[in-house]
Amino acid sequence: MKKRFVYFTAFPLLFVAITSCTKENLGRSAPVQLNQSIDASVASGETFTFVAGSTGSLSVSKQALHFKVSQALNENGSVYYNYQPEAGYFGDDEVTLMYLSHAAAPGINTSSGCPASHNTSTSTNAMSTIVIKLTVTK
């Protein structure tokens, strides 16, 4: 009888504690979806470079169709994308990138007492979808 009472009392308390920590952490780290469309032109044999930012990560979510080089890189303090059309191709091409930027808001304390929360500043993650519409010229 005592075990049953303990289970019925402890379970709801544990559930409330876990749920409150989870909601708080999710609220702070939920990414914001921003969309961008960029029109660019590149000469055949040349390389087009798009700089997304200085921090974060960039990945190709929909690859271009007519490329010799199409890659997302994170080097020398920049997050960027390089595109070079395949030899002899002239016309339109398109690539879709996903960019997750990491920015910290200074002076805001996020310590909440939840086990997974050890940060002293708020980290804001913004997820962007970037569509680059390329025109390859002679």
Protein backbone atom coordinates (compact mmCIF):
# COMPACT_ATOMS: atom_id res chain seq x y z
CA MET A 1 0.00 0.00 0.00
CA LYS A 2 2.81 2.43 0.88
CA LYS A 3 4.62 1.65 -2.42
CA ARG A 4 1.49 2.45 -4.39
CA PHE A 5 1.08 5.77 -2.57
CA VAL A 6 4.73 6.68 -3.23
CA TYR A 7 4.43 5.85 -6.94
CA PHE A 8 1.23 7.87 -7.36
CA THR A 9 2.77 10.85 -5.57
CA ALA A 10 6.29 10.73 -7.02
CA PHE A 11 5.34 10.19 -10.67
CA PRO A 12 3.36 13.45 -11.14
CA LEU A 13 6.09 15.47 -9.39
CA LEU A 14 8.79 13.93 -11.55
CA PHE A 15 6.71 14.53 -14.67
CA VAL A 16 6.21 18.23 -13.83
CA ALA A 17 9.94 18.72 -13.12
CA ILE A 18 11.05 17.08 -16.37
CA THR A 19 8.43 18.87 -18.47
CA SER A 20 9.27 22.32 -17.09
CA CYS A 21 12.98 21.89 -17.81
CA THR A 22 12.28 20.58 -21.31
CA LYS A 23 9.92 23.41 -22.23
CA GLU A 24 12.33 26.03 -20.93
CA ASN A 25 15.26 24.64 -22.90
CA LEU A 26 13.21 24.22 -26.05
CA GLY A 27 11.97 27.79 -25.84
CA ARG A 28 15.50 29.15 -25.84
CA SER A 29 16.96 27.02 -28.56
CA ALA A 30 14.12 26.84 -31.07
CA PRO A 31 15.49 28.09 -34.39
CA VAL A 32 13.88 30.91 -36.30
CA GLN A 33 13.21 30.14 -39.96
CA LEU A 34 14.32 32.91 -42.30
CA ASN A 35 14.25 32.56 -46.07
CA GLN A 36 16.45 34.31 -48.59
CA SER A 37 16.61 34.26 -52.36
CA ILE A 38 19.70 35.54 -54.14
CA ASP A 39 20.12 36.15 -57.86
CA ALA A 40 23.73 35.93 -59.02
CA SER A 41 25.66 35.60 -62.22
CA VAL A 42 28.97 33.84 -62.82
CA ALA A 43 31.07 33.58 -65.96
CA SER A 44 31.81 30.13 -67.30
CA GLY A 45 35.07 28.87 -65.79
CA GLU A 46 34.88 31.36 -62.87
CA THR A 47 33.96 30.66 -59.24
CA PHE A 48 31.04 32.30 -57.43
CA THR A 49 31.45 32.66 -53.64
CA PHE A 50 28.64 33.46 -51.20
CA VAL A 51 29.64 34.33 -47.62
CA ALA A 52 26.88 33.33 -45.20
CA GLY A 53 28.53 34.62 -42.01
CA SER A 54 31.42 34.27 -39.61
CA THR A 55 29.99 31.59 -37.31
CA GLY A 56 27.61 28.68 -37.64
CA SER A 57 27.28 25.90 -40.16
CA LEU A 58 26.27 25.79 -43.80
CA SER A 59 25.14 22.78 -45.81
CA VAL A 60 23.76 22.10 -49.27
CA SER A 61 20.19 20.85 -48.99
CA LYS A 62 19.39 20.80 -52.73
CA GLN A 63 22.37 20.47 -55.02
CA ALA A 64 22.86 22.49 -58.20
CA LEU A 65 22.48 20.49 -61.43
CA HIS A 66 25.32 21.82 -63.58
CA PHE A 67 28.33 22.19 -61.33
CA LYS A 68 32.00 21.34 -61.35
CA VAL A 69 32.36 22.65 -57.77
CA SER A 70 29.46 23.10 -55.36
CA GLN A 71 30.52 23.03 -51.73
CA ALA A 72 29.82 24.62 -48.36
CA LEU A 73 32.92 25.44 -46.31
CA ASN A 74 33.84 26.80 -42.90
CA GLU A 75 37.39 28.14 -43.07
CA ASN A 76 39.41 31.18 -41.99
CA GLY A 77 36.63 32.58 -39.80
CA SER A 78 34.00 32.51 -42.56
CA VAL A 79 31.12 30.24 -43.46
CA TYR A 80 30.76 30.27 -47.23
CA TYR A 81 29.63 28.46 -50.38
CA ASN A 82 31.59 28.04 -53.63
CA TYR A 83 30.06 27.28 -57.03
CA GLN A 84 31.81 26.73 -60.33
CA PRO A 85 29.76 25.64 -63.36
CA GLU A 86 30.70 22.53 -65.32
CA ALA A 87 32.80 23.16 -68.41
CA GLY A 88 30.82 24.35 -71.42
CA TYR A 89 27.57 25.01 -69.50
CA PHE A 90 25.69 28.29 -70.05
CA GLY A 91 22.28 28.99 -68.58
CA ASP A 92 20.50 28.87 -65.24
CA ASP A 93 21.31 26.78 -62.19
CA GLU A 94 20.01 26.79 -58.63
CA VAL A 95 21.26 25.61 -55.25
CA THR A 96 19.51 25.59 -51.86
CA LEU A 97 21.57 26.03 -48.70
CA MET A 98 20.72 25.64 -45.02
CA TYR A 99 22.55 28.04 -42.72
CA LEU A 100 22.46 27.70 -38.95
CA SER A 101 23.98 30.80 -37.37
CA HIS A 102 25.10 30.88 -33.76
CA ALA A 103 24.94 34.19 -31.92
CA ALA A 104 25.15 34.84 -28.20
CA ALA A 105 23.18 37.58 -26.51
CA PRO A 106 25.54 39.00 -23.84
CA GLY A 107 24.48 39.68 -20.28
CA ILE A 108 21.51 37.34 -20.11
CA ASN A 109 21.72 34.53 -17.60
CA THR A 110 20.00 31.30 -18.60
CA SER A 111 20.88 29.26 -15.52
CA SER A 112 17.63 27.68 -14.43
CA GLY A 113 18.64 24.81 -12.20
CA CYS A 114 17.70 22.23 -14.82
CA PRO A 115 20.40 19.59 -15.28
CA ALA A 116 21.02 20.35 -18.97
CA SER A 117 21.25 24.10 -18.47
CA HIS A 118 24.80 25.24 -17.75
CA ASN A 119 25.15 28.30 -19.98
CA THR A 120 25.57 31.82 -18.69
CA SER A 121 24.55 33.55 -21.90
CA THR A 122 21.67 32.99 -24.27
CA SER A 123 22.64 31.34 -27.52
CA THR A 124 20.32 32.18 -30.38
CA ASN A 125 20.24 29.83 -33.33
CA ALA A 126 18.70 31.13 -36.52
CA MET A 127 18.04 28.64 -39.31
CA SER A 128 18.00 30.18 -42.77
CA THR A 129 17.08 28.65 -46.10
CA ILE A 130 19.08 30.36 -48.82
CA VAL A 131 18.19 29.79 -52.47
CA ILE A 132 20.84 31.00 -54.90
CA LYS A 133 19.63 31.38 -58.48
CA LEU A 134 22.70 31.40 -60.70
CA THR A 135 23.01 32.56 -64.28
CA VAL A 136 26.10 31.15 -66.01
CA THR A 137 27.31 33.49 -68.75
CA LYS A 138 30.06 33.30 -71.41
